[in-house]
N, C-alpha and C. Protein backbone atom coordinates (compact mmCIF):
# COMPACT_ATOMS: atom_id res chain seq x y z
N MET A 1 128.51 38.08 -39.41
CA MET A 1 128.82 39.48 -39.51
C MET A 1 127.79 40.19 -40.37
N LYS A 2 127.38 39.56 -41.49
CA LYS A 2 126.39 40.14 -42.38
C LYS A 2 125.06 40.30 -41.64
N LYS A 3 124.73 39.34 -40.76
CA LYS A 3 123.51 39.36 -39.99
C LYS A 3 123.52 40.56 -39.03
N ASN A 4 124.66 40.81 -38.36
CA ASN A 4 124.79 41.95 -37.44
C ASN A 4 124.61 43.26 -38.17
N LYS A 5 125.19 43.39 -39.35
CA LYS A 5 125.09 44.63 -40.12
C LYS A 5 123.64 44.88 -40.53
N LEU A 6 122.93 43.84 -40.94
CA LEU A 6 121.53 43.96 -41.33
C LEU A 6 120.68 44.39 -40.14
N LEU A 7 120.91 43.78 -38.97
CA LEU A 7 120.15 44.14 -37.77
C LEU A 7 120.44 45.57 -37.35
N SER A 8 121.69 45.98 -37.40
CA SER A 8 122.07 47.34 -37.04
C SER A 8 121.41 48.35 -37.97
N THR A 9 121.39 48.07 -39.25
CA THR A 9 120.77 48.96 -40.23
C THR A 9 119.26 49.07 -39.97
N ALA A 10 118.62 47.96 -39.67
CA ALA A 10 117.18 47.97 -39.39
C ALA A 10 116.89 48.77 -38.13
N LEU A 11 117.70 48.62 -37.10
CA LEU A 11 117.52 49.36 -35.86
C LEU A 11 117.68 50.86 -36.08
N VAL A 12 118.68 51.27 -36.84
CA VAL A 12 118.89 52.68 -37.15
C VAL A 12 117.71 53.24 -37.94
N ALA A 13 117.16 52.47 -38.87
CA ALA A 13 116.02 52.93 -39.66
C ALA A 13 114.79 53.16 -38.79
N VAL A 14 114.54 52.26 -37.84
CA VAL A 14 113.41 52.42 -36.93
C VAL A 14 113.59 53.67 -36.08
N ILE A 15 114.79 53.87 -35.56
CA ILE A 15 115.07 55.02 -34.71
C ILE A 15 114.93 56.32 -35.50
N ALA A 16 115.47 56.36 -36.69
CA ALA A 16 115.42 57.57 -37.52
C ALA A 16 113.98 57.93 -37.88
N SER A 17 113.16 56.94 -38.21
CA SER A 17 111.77 57.23 -38.55
C SER A 17 110.99 57.69 -37.32
N ALA A 18 111.33 57.15 -36.16
CA ALA A 18 110.65 57.56 -34.93
C ALA A 18 111.03 58.98 -34.55
N ALA A 19 112.25 59.39 -34.80
CA ALA A 19 112.72 60.72 -34.42
C ALA A 19 111.98 61.82 -35.16
N ALA A 20 111.39 61.51 -36.28
CA ALA A 20 110.68 62.51 -37.07
C ALA A 20 109.38 62.97 -36.40
N PHE A 21 108.89 62.24 -35.41
CA PHE A 21 107.61 62.57 -34.81
C PHE A 21 107.70 63.34 -33.50
N GLY A 22 108.75 63.20 -32.66
CA GLY A 22 108.99 63.90 -31.40
C GLY A 22 107.78 64.13 -30.51
N ALA A 23 107.85 63.70 -29.23
CA ALA A 23 106.80 63.96 -28.26
C ALA A 23 107.28 63.57 -26.87
N GLN A 24 106.34 63.59 -25.89
CA GLN A 24 106.67 63.31 -24.51
C GLN A 24 106.24 61.90 -24.12
N ALA A 25 106.85 61.36 -23.05
CA ALA A 25 106.58 60.00 -22.61
C ALA A 25 105.23 59.86 -21.94
N ALA A 26 104.59 58.72 -22.15
CA ALA A 26 103.36 58.40 -21.45
C ALA A 26 103.71 57.94 -20.04
N ASP A 27 102.85 58.27 -19.06
CA ASP A 27 103.13 57.90 -17.68
C ASP A 27 102.78 56.46 -17.35
N LYS A 28 101.76 55.88 -18.02
CA LYS A 28 101.40 54.51 -17.71
C LYS A 28 100.83 53.82 -18.93
N GLY A 29 100.91 52.48 -18.90
CA GLY A 29 100.36 51.69 -19.98
C GLY A 29 101.27 50.54 -20.36
N PHE A 30 100.80 49.74 -21.31
CA PHE A 30 101.56 48.58 -21.79
C PHE A 30 102.64 49.00 -22.77
N TYR A 31 103.71 48.22 -22.83
CA TYR A 31 104.77 48.45 -23.80
C TYR A 31 105.38 47.12 -24.22
N ALA A 32 106.08 47.14 -25.35
CA ALA A 32 106.78 45.96 -25.87
C ALA A 32 108.01 46.46 -26.60
N GLY A 33 108.97 45.55 -26.80
CA GLY A 33 110.17 45.96 -27.52
C GLY A 33 111.07 44.78 -27.86
N ALA A 34 112.19 45.13 -28.48
CA ALA A 34 113.18 44.13 -28.88
C ALA A 34 114.56 44.75 -28.79
N GLY A 35 115.56 43.89 -28.63
CA GLY A 35 116.92 44.40 -28.53
C GLY A 35 117.92 43.46 -29.18
N VAL A 36 119.10 44.03 -29.45
CA VAL A 36 120.22 43.26 -30.00
C VAL A 36 121.49 43.77 -29.32
N GLY A 37 122.42 42.87 -29.08
CA GLY A 37 123.67 43.27 -28.42
C GLY A 37 124.64 42.11 -28.30
N GLN A 38 125.44 42.17 -27.24
CA GLN A 38 126.47 41.16 -27.00
C GLN A 38 126.27 40.50 -25.65
N SER A 39 126.43 39.18 -25.61
CA SER A 39 126.48 38.45 -24.34
C SER A 39 127.95 38.17 -24.05
N PHE A 40 128.30 38.17 -22.75
CA PHE A 40 129.68 37.98 -22.32
C PHE A 40 129.72 36.99 -21.16
N VAL A 41 130.68 36.10 -21.17
CA VAL A 41 130.94 35.24 -20.02
C VAL A 41 132.45 35.11 -19.87
N ASP A 42 132.95 35.19 -18.64
CA ASP A 42 134.38 35.05 -18.36
C ASP A 42 134.53 34.39 -17.00
N GLU A 43 134.15 33.13 -16.93
CA GLU A 43 134.23 32.39 -15.69
C GLU A 43 134.50 30.93 -15.98
N GLY A 44 135.26 30.31 -15.10
CA GLY A 44 135.55 28.90 -15.24
C GLY A 44 136.17 28.58 -16.58
N ALA A 45 135.63 27.60 -17.27
CA ALA A 45 136.16 27.16 -18.55
C ALA A 45 135.72 28.04 -19.71
N TYR A 46 134.88 29.05 -19.44
CA TYR A 46 134.31 29.85 -20.52
C TYR A 46 134.78 31.30 -20.49
N ASP A 47 135.21 31.78 -21.64
CA ASP A 47 135.60 33.18 -21.84
C ASP A 47 135.24 33.51 -23.28
N ASP A 48 134.03 33.98 -23.50
CA ASP A 48 133.56 34.19 -24.87
C ASP A 48 132.48 35.25 -24.89
N GLU A 49 132.13 35.67 -26.08
CA GLU A 49 131.02 36.59 -26.32
C GLU A 49 130.34 36.19 -27.62
N ASP A 50 129.07 36.57 -27.73
CA ASP A 50 128.33 36.28 -28.95
C ASP A 50 127.20 37.30 -29.09
N THR A 51 126.62 37.36 -30.27
CA THR A 51 125.48 38.23 -30.51
C THR A 51 124.28 37.69 -29.75
N ALA A 52 123.55 38.59 -29.10
CA ALA A 52 122.38 38.20 -28.32
C ALA A 52 121.17 39.01 -28.78
N PHE A 53 120.00 38.43 -28.59
CA PHE A 53 118.74 39.06 -28.98
C PHE A 53 117.76 38.97 -27.81
N SER A 54 116.83 39.91 -27.73
CA SER A 54 115.81 39.82 -26.71
C SER A 54 114.50 40.44 -27.21
N VAL A 55 113.42 39.99 -26.60
CA VAL A 55 112.11 40.60 -26.76
C VAL A 55 111.55 40.77 -25.35
N PHE A 56 110.77 41.83 -25.16
CA PHE A 56 110.26 42.09 -23.82
C PHE A 56 108.93 42.83 -23.91
N GLY A 57 108.22 42.81 -22.81
CA GLY A 57 106.96 43.54 -22.71
C GLY A 57 106.69 43.82 -21.25
N GLY A 58 105.86 44.81 -20.99
CA GLY A 58 105.59 45.13 -19.60
C GLY A 58 104.46 46.11 -19.44
N TYR A 59 104.27 46.51 -18.20
CA TYR A 59 103.27 47.51 -17.87
C TYR A 59 103.92 48.57 -17.00
N GLN A 60 103.78 49.83 -17.40
CA GLN A 60 104.31 50.98 -16.66
C GLN A 60 103.16 51.50 -15.79
N PHE A 61 103.26 51.31 -14.45
CA PHE A 61 102.19 51.73 -13.54
C PHE A 61 102.16 53.24 -13.37
N ASN A 62 103.33 53.86 -13.32
CA ASN A 62 103.47 55.31 -13.29
C ASN A 62 104.87 55.61 -13.83
N ARG A 63 105.27 56.86 -13.82
CA ARG A 63 106.56 57.17 -14.44
C ARG A 63 107.76 56.64 -13.67
N TYR A 64 107.52 56.08 -12.46
CA TYR A 64 108.62 55.60 -11.62
C TYR A 64 108.70 54.08 -11.49
N PHE A 65 107.63 53.35 -11.80
CA PHE A 65 107.63 51.91 -11.54
C PHE A 65 106.88 51.13 -12.62
N GLY A 66 107.47 49.98 -12.98
CA GLY A 66 106.83 49.08 -13.93
C GLY A 66 107.25 47.64 -13.69
N LEU A 67 106.57 46.72 -14.32
CA LEU A 67 106.93 45.30 -14.32
C LEU A 67 107.22 44.90 -15.76
N GLU A 68 108.27 44.11 -15.95
CA GLU A 68 108.67 43.73 -17.31
C GLU A 68 109.01 42.24 -17.36
N GLY A 69 108.55 41.58 -18.40
CA GLY A 69 108.88 40.19 -18.66
C GLY A 69 109.51 40.10 -20.03
N GLY A 70 110.36 39.08 -20.23
CA GLY A 70 110.98 38.97 -21.53
C GLY A 70 111.69 37.66 -21.75
N TYR A 71 112.26 37.57 -22.93
CA TYR A 71 113.04 36.40 -23.36
C TYR A 71 114.35 36.90 -23.94
N ALA A 72 115.47 36.29 -23.52
CA ALA A 72 116.79 36.64 -24.05
C ALA A 72 117.47 35.39 -24.59
N ASP A 73 118.02 35.48 -25.79
CA ASP A 73 118.81 34.41 -26.40
C ASP A 73 120.25 34.89 -26.40
N PHE A 74 121.12 34.20 -25.67
CA PHE A 74 122.51 34.64 -25.49
C PHE A 74 123.46 34.13 -26.57
N GLY A 75 122.98 33.34 -27.50
CA GLY A 75 123.83 32.82 -28.56
C GLY A 75 124.64 31.62 -28.10
N LYS A 76 125.77 31.36 -28.78
CA LYS A 76 126.65 30.23 -28.46
C LYS A 76 127.89 30.75 -27.76
N LEU A 77 128.24 30.11 -26.66
CA LEU A 77 129.43 30.48 -25.89
C LEU A 77 130.41 29.31 -25.94
N GLU A 78 131.62 29.59 -26.41
CA GLU A 78 132.63 28.54 -26.58
C GLU A 78 133.58 28.50 -25.40
N PRO A 79 134.07 27.31 -25.03
CA PRO A 79 135.01 27.20 -23.91
C PRO A 79 136.41 27.67 -24.31
N ARG A 80 137.25 27.93 -23.31
CA ARG A 80 138.64 28.34 -23.55
C ARG A 80 139.43 27.22 -24.20
N GLY A 81 139.21 26.02 -23.76
CA GLY A 81 139.93 24.86 -24.31
C GLY A 81 138.92 23.83 -24.78
N ALA A 82 139.12 22.60 -24.33
CA ALA A 82 138.20 21.52 -24.69
C ALA A 82 136.91 21.64 -23.89
N GLY A 83 135.85 21.21 -24.47
CA GLY A 83 134.56 21.25 -23.80
C GLY A 83 133.46 21.61 -24.77
N PRO A 84 132.23 21.45 -24.33
CA PRO A 84 131.09 21.72 -25.23
C PRO A 84 130.78 23.21 -25.34
N GLU A 85 130.27 23.61 -26.51
CA GLU A 85 129.70 24.95 -26.67
C GLU A 85 128.41 24.99 -25.87
N LEU A 86 128.09 26.15 -25.35
CA LEU A 86 126.83 26.31 -24.64
C LEU A 86 125.92 27.24 -25.42
N GLU A 87 124.70 26.84 -25.60
CA GLU A 87 123.67 27.74 -26.13
C GLU A 87 122.75 28.02 -24.97
N ALA A 88 122.60 29.31 -24.64
CA ALA A 88 121.84 29.70 -23.47
C ALA A 88 120.71 30.66 -23.82
N SER A 89 119.62 30.56 -23.03
CA SER A 89 118.51 31.49 -23.17
C SER A 89 117.86 31.66 -21.80
N SER A 90 117.02 32.68 -21.67
CA SER A 90 116.39 32.97 -20.39
C SER A 90 115.01 33.60 -20.60
N VAL A 91 114.09 33.27 -19.72
CA VAL A 91 112.80 33.93 -19.62
C VAL A 91 112.80 34.61 -18.27
N TYR A 92 112.44 35.90 -18.20
CA TYR A 92 112.60 36.63 -16.94
C TYR A 92 111.39 37.52 -16.62
N LEU A 93 111.28 37.86 -15.34
CA LEU A 93 110.28 38.81 -14.84
C LEU A 93 111.01 39.73 -13.87
N THR A 94 110.94 41.05 -14.12
CA THR A 94 111.66 42.02 -13.29
C THR A 94 110.76 43.19 -12.90
N ALA A 95 111.10 43.78 -11.76
CA ALA A 95 110.53 45.06 -11.36
C ALA A 95 111.48 46.13 -11.89
N VAL A 96 110.92 47.21 -12.45
CA VAL A 96 111.75 48.25 -13.06
C VAL A 96 111.46 49.58 -12.37
N GLY A 97 112.50 50.16 -11.77
CA GLY A 97 112.40 51.48 -11.17
C GLY A 97 113.02 52.50 -12.10
N THR A 98 112.29 53.57 -12.40
CA THR A 98 112.74 54.58 -13.37
C THR A 98 112.94 55.92 -12.69
N LEU A 99 114.01 56.60 -13.04
CA LEU A 99 114.31 57.94 -12.56
C LEU A 99 114.31 58.89 -13.75
N PRO A 100 113.23 59.68 -13.92
CA PRO A 100 113.20 60.65 -15.03
C PRO A 100 114.25 61.74 -14.79
N ILE A 101 115.05 62.02 -15.81
CA ILE A 101 116.07 63.06 -15.71
C ILE A 101 115.59 64.31 -16.42
N THR A 102 115.01 64.15 -17.61
CA THR A 102 114.34 65.22 -18.35
C THR A 102 113.03 64.64 -18.87
N ASP A 103 112.29 65.40 -19.66
CA ASP A 103 111.05 64.89 -20.23
C ASP A 103 111.29 63.70 -21.15
N LYS A 104 112.44 63.65 -21.79
CA LYS A 104 112.70 62.60 -22.77
C LYS A 104 113.76 61.58 -22.32
N PHE A 105 114.56 61.91 -21.33
CA PHE A 105 115.68 61.06 -20.94
C PHE A 105 115.47 60.55 -19.51
N SER A 106 115.71 59.24 -19.30
CA SER A 106 115.57 58.66 -17.96
C SER A 106 116.59 57.54 -17.77
N ALA A 107 116.81 57.22 -16.51
CA ALA A 107 117.67 56.09 -16.14
C ALA A 107 116.79 55.08 -15.42
N TYR A 108 117.16 53.81 -15.48
CA TYR A 108 116.35 52.81 -14.79
C TYR A 108 117.22 51.68 -14.26
N ALA A 109 116.69 51.01 -13.25
CA ALA A 109 117.31 49.81 -12.69
C ALA A 109 116.23 48.74 -12.63
N LYS A 110 116.64 47.50 -12.82
CA LYS A 110 115.68 46.40 -12.80
C LYS A 110 116.26 45.22 -12.04
N ALA A 111 115.39 44.47 -11.39
CA ALA A 111 115.82 43.28 -10.66
C ALA A 111 114.65 42.31 -10.61
N GLY A 112 114.99 41.03 -10.68
CA GLY A 112 113.93 40.03 -10.65
C GLY A 112 114.48 38.63 -10.70
N ILE A 113 113.67 37.76 -11.25
CA ILE A 113 114.00 36.34 -11.31
C ILE A 113 113.94 35.88 -12.77
N GLN A 114 114.76 34.88 -13.08
CA GLN A 114 114.80 34.37 -14.45
C GLN A 114 114.87 32.85 -14.43
N ARG A 115 114.34 32.27 -15.46
CA ARG A 115 114.42 30.82 -15.69
C ARG A 115 115.32 30.63 -16.89
N TRP A 116 116.53 30.09 -16.65
CA TRP A 116 117.50 29.91 -17.72
C TRP A 116 117.45 28.49 -18.26
N ASP A 117 117.94 28.36 -19.49
CA ASP A 117 117.97 27.06 -20.14
C ASP A 117 119.24 26.96 -20.95
N LEU A 118 119.98 25.87 -20.78
CA LEU A 118 121.19 25.58 -21.54
C LEU A 118 120.96 24.34 -22.38
N ASP A 119 121.66 24.23 -23.49
CA ASP A 119 121.52 23.02 -24.30
C ASP A 119 122.26 21.84 -23.67
N THR A 120 123.20 22.12 -22.74
CA THR A 120 123.92 21.09 -22.01
C THR A 120 124.36 21.67 -20.67
N ALA A 121 124.64 20.84 -19.71
CA ALA A 121 125.05 21.30 -18.38
C ALA A 121 126.42 21.97 -18.43
N ILE A 122 126.67 22.90 -17.51
CA ILE A 122 127.97 23.58 -17.43
C ILE A 122 128.97 22.62 -16.80
N PRO A 123 130.01 22.21 -17.52
CA PRO A 123 130.94 21.21 -16.99
C PRO A 123 131.84 21.74 -15.89
N SER A 124 132.05 23.05 -15.79
CA SER A 124 132.98 23.60 -14.81
C SER A 124 132.38 23.72 -13.41
N VAL A 125 131.07 23.55 -13.27
CA VAL A 125 130.43 23.63 -11.96
C VAL A 125 130.36 22.23 -11.37
N VAL A 126 131.04 22.04 -10.24
CA VAL A 126 131.13 20.73 -9.60
C VAL A 126 129.74 20.24 -9.19
N GLY A 127 129.43 19.02 -9.55
CA GLY A 127 128.15 18.43 -9.19
C GLY A 127 126.97 18.93 -10.01
N ASN A 128 127.21 19.70 -11.03
CA ASN A 128 126.12 20.24 -11.83
C ASN A 128 125.71 19.25 -12.90
N SER A 129 124.45 18.88 -12.88
CA SER A 129 123.93 18.02 -13.94
C SER A 129 122.70 18.65 -14.57
N ASP A 130 122.36 19.87 -14.15
CA ASP A 130 121.19 20.54 -14.67
C ASP A 130 121.51 21.33 -15.93
N ASP A 131 120.54 21.39 -16.82
CA ASP A 131 120.67 22.25 -17.98
C ASP A 131 119.60 23.33 -17.97
N SER A 132 118.92 23.51 -16.82
CA SER A 132 118.00 24.61 -16.63
C SER A 132 117.88 24.90 -15.14
N GLY A 133 117.41 26.09 -14.81
CA GLY A 133 117.28 26.45 -13.41
C GLY A 133 116.71 27.84 -13.26
N THR A 134 116.58 28.28 -12.02
CA THR A 134 116.03 29.59 -11.69
C THR A 134 117.04 30.35 -10.84
N ASP A 135 117.35 31.57 -11.23
CA ASP A 135 118.32 32.41 -10.53
C ASP A 135 117.93 33.87 -10.69
N PRO A 136 118.60 34.77 -9.94
CA PRO A 136 118.31 36.21 -10.07
C PRO A 136 118.87 36.82 -11.36
N THR A 137 118.27 37.95 -11.73
CA THR A 137 118.78 38.79 -12.81
C THR A 137 118.60 40.24 -12.39
N TYR A 138 119.47 41.11 -12.87
CA TYR A 138 119.40 42.53 -12.54
C TYR A 138 120.14 43.32 -13.60
N GLY A 139 119.85 44.62 -13.67
CA GLY A 139 120.51 45.43 -14.69
C GLY A 139 120.24 46.92 -14.51
N LEU A 140 120.97 47.70 -15.30
CA LEU A 140 120.86 49.16 -15.34
C LEU A 140 120.71 49.60 -16.78
N GLY A 141 120.04 50.74 -16.98
CA GLY A 141 119.89 51.23 -18.34
C GLY A 141 119.53 52.70 -18.39
N VAL A 142 119.58 53.23 -19.59
CA VAL A 142 119.14 54.59 -19.87
C VAL A 142 118.17 54.51 -21.05
N GLN A 143 117.26 55.48 -21.08
CA GLN A 143 116.24 55.49 -22.13
C GLN A 143 116.06 56.90 -22.66
N TYR A 144 115.99 57.02 -23.99
CA TYR A 144 115.69 58.29 -24.62
C TYR A 144 114.40 58.13 -25.42
N ARG A 145 113.41 58.95 -25.12
CA ARG A 145 112.11 58.86 -25.75
C ARG A 145 112.05 59.81 -26.95
N PHE A 146 111.81 59.25 -28.15
CA PHE A 146 111.67 60.03 -29.37
C PHE A 146 110.25 60.57 -29.53
N THR A 147 109.26 59.75 -29.19
CA THR A 147 107.85 60.13 -29.31
C THR A 147 107.11 59.59 -28.09
N ASP A 148 105.78 59.82 -28.06
CA ASP A 148 104.95 59.22 -27.00
C ASP A 148 105.01 57.69 -27.05
N HIS A 149 105.33 57.16 -28.21
CA HIS A 149 105.26 55.71 -28.38
C HIS A 149 106.61 55.02 -28.58
N VAL A 150 107.66 55.71 -28.96
CA VAL A 150 108.92 55.06 -29.31
C VAL A 150 110.08 55.60 -28.48
N ALA A 151 110.86 54.67 -27.91
CA ALA A 151 112.05 55.04 -27.13
C ALA A 151 113.20 54.11 -27.47
N LEU A 152 114.41 54.63 -27.33
CA LEU A 152 115.63 53.84 -27.51
C LEU A 152 116.23 53.62 -26.13
N ARG A 153 116.61 52.38 -25.84
CA ARG A 153 117.20 52.05 -24.54
C ARG A 153 118.59 51.45 -24.74
N GLY A 154 119.48 51.77 -23.82
CA GLY A 154 120.77 51.10 -23.70
C GLY A 154 120.78 50.41 -22.36
N GLU A 155 121.04 49.10 -22.36
CA GLU A 155 120.91 48.34 -21.11
C GLU A 155 122.06 47.38 -20.92
N TYR A 156 122.49 47.25 -19.66
CA TYR A 156 123.50 46.26 -19.27
C TYR A 156 122.90 45.41 -18.16
N SER A 157 122.78 44.12 -18.40
CA SER A 157 122.13 43.21 -17.45
C SER A 157 123.04 42.04 -17.11
N ARG A 158 122.81 41.48 -15.93
CA ARG A 158 123.52 40.27 -15.51
C ARG A 158 122.49 39.18 -15.24
N PHE A 159 122.76 38.02 -15.80
CA PHE A 159 121.94 36.83 -15.59
C PHE A 159 122.80 35.80 -14.89
N GLU A 160 122.44 35.44 -13.67
CA GLU A 160 123.19 34.42 -12.94
C GLU A 160 122.69 33.05 -13.38
N ILE A 161 123.65 32.18 -13.71
CA ILE A 161 123.35 30.81 -14.11
C ILE A 161 124.21 29.89 -13.26
N GLU A 162 123.58 29.27 -12.24
CA GLU A 162 124.32 28.52 -11.23
C GLU A 162 125.33 29.47 -10.60
N ASP A 163 126.62 29.18 -10.67
CA ASP A 163 127.66 30.05 -10.13
C ASP A 163 128.36 30.84 -11.22
N THR A 164 127.77 30.91 -12.40
CA THR A 164 128.35 31.61 -13.53
C THR A 164 127.55 32.87 -13.83
N ASP A 165 128.26 33.99 -14.05
CA ASP A 165 127.61 35.25 -14.40
C ASP A 165 127.67 35.46 -15.90
N LEU A 166 126.51 35.66 -16.50
CA LEU A 166 126.40 35.92 -17.94
C LEU A 166 125.91 37.35 -18.10
N ASP A 167 126.71 38.20 -18.73
CA ASP A 167 126.37 39.61 -18.90
C ASP A 167 125.83 39.86 -20.30
N LEU A 168 124.96 40.87 -20.40
CA LEU A 168 124.31 41.19 -21.65
C LEU A 168 124.26 42.71 -21.81
N ALA A 169 124.88 43.23 -22.87
CA ALA A 169 124.84 44.65 -23.20
C ALA A 169 124.04 44.80 -24.49
N GLN A 170 123.00 45.66 -24.47
CA GLN A 170 122.10 45.76 -25.63
C GLN A 170 121.64 47.17 -25.92
N LEU A 171 121.28 47.38 -27.18
CA LEU A 171 120.46 48.51 -27.61
C LEU A 171 119.09 47.94 -27.86
N GLN A 172 118.07 48.63 -27.33
CA GLN A 172 116.69 48.14 -27.45
C GLN A 172 115.79 49.25 -27.96
N VAL A 173 114.75 48.86 -28.67
CA VAL A 173 113.70 49.78 -29.09
C VAL A 173 112.44 49.39 -28.32
N ARG A 174 111.82 50.38 -27.68
CA ARG A 174 110.61 50.16 -26.90
C ARG A 174 109.44 50.89 -27.55
N TYR A 175 108.30 50.21 -27.64
CA TYR A 175 107.09 50.82 -28.19
C TYR A 175 106.01 50.81 -27.13
N ASP A 176 105.45 51.97 -26.79
CA ASP A 176 104.37 52.09 -25.81
C ASP A 176 103.02 52.14 -26.53
N PHE A 177 102.07 51.40 -26.02
CA PHE A 177 100.73 51.35 -26.62
C PHE A 177 99.83 52.43 -26.04
């Protein structure tokens, strides 16, 4: 809990300092960012949530399209009853379509592929002995740009892991170079 409060305070400080500069979004170029939020799973033997973290980077080709790659750590997910805890993470590559609503506010959708990794195989999936694999990922988000270089994003993504859906809701800070 103390860790979450510290991260939230740091995120608010970054956003507040960025708001002091105000400007318009760049149409193209490289960007990078980080996020914090909650991972959720409610399937099979698992019904849990935990704090999740991500880092990402990409290239914005124009104001409507970009490619983004990243890493997400979903934390530890505990089973409903007996069974092992799962620690999950993912490396992903997505295409991002952006719809500008105003000069500073936009909505976006993303879809792509991800390589997931578990510390142990999911026991509820029949015949599953893998602790890593490749599956689709997709999500929706909104972005508010404080300056030419700094934006705040709210994103909800789904990461498919075998037949299990792992959801991720995050606040992210994006920095454009």
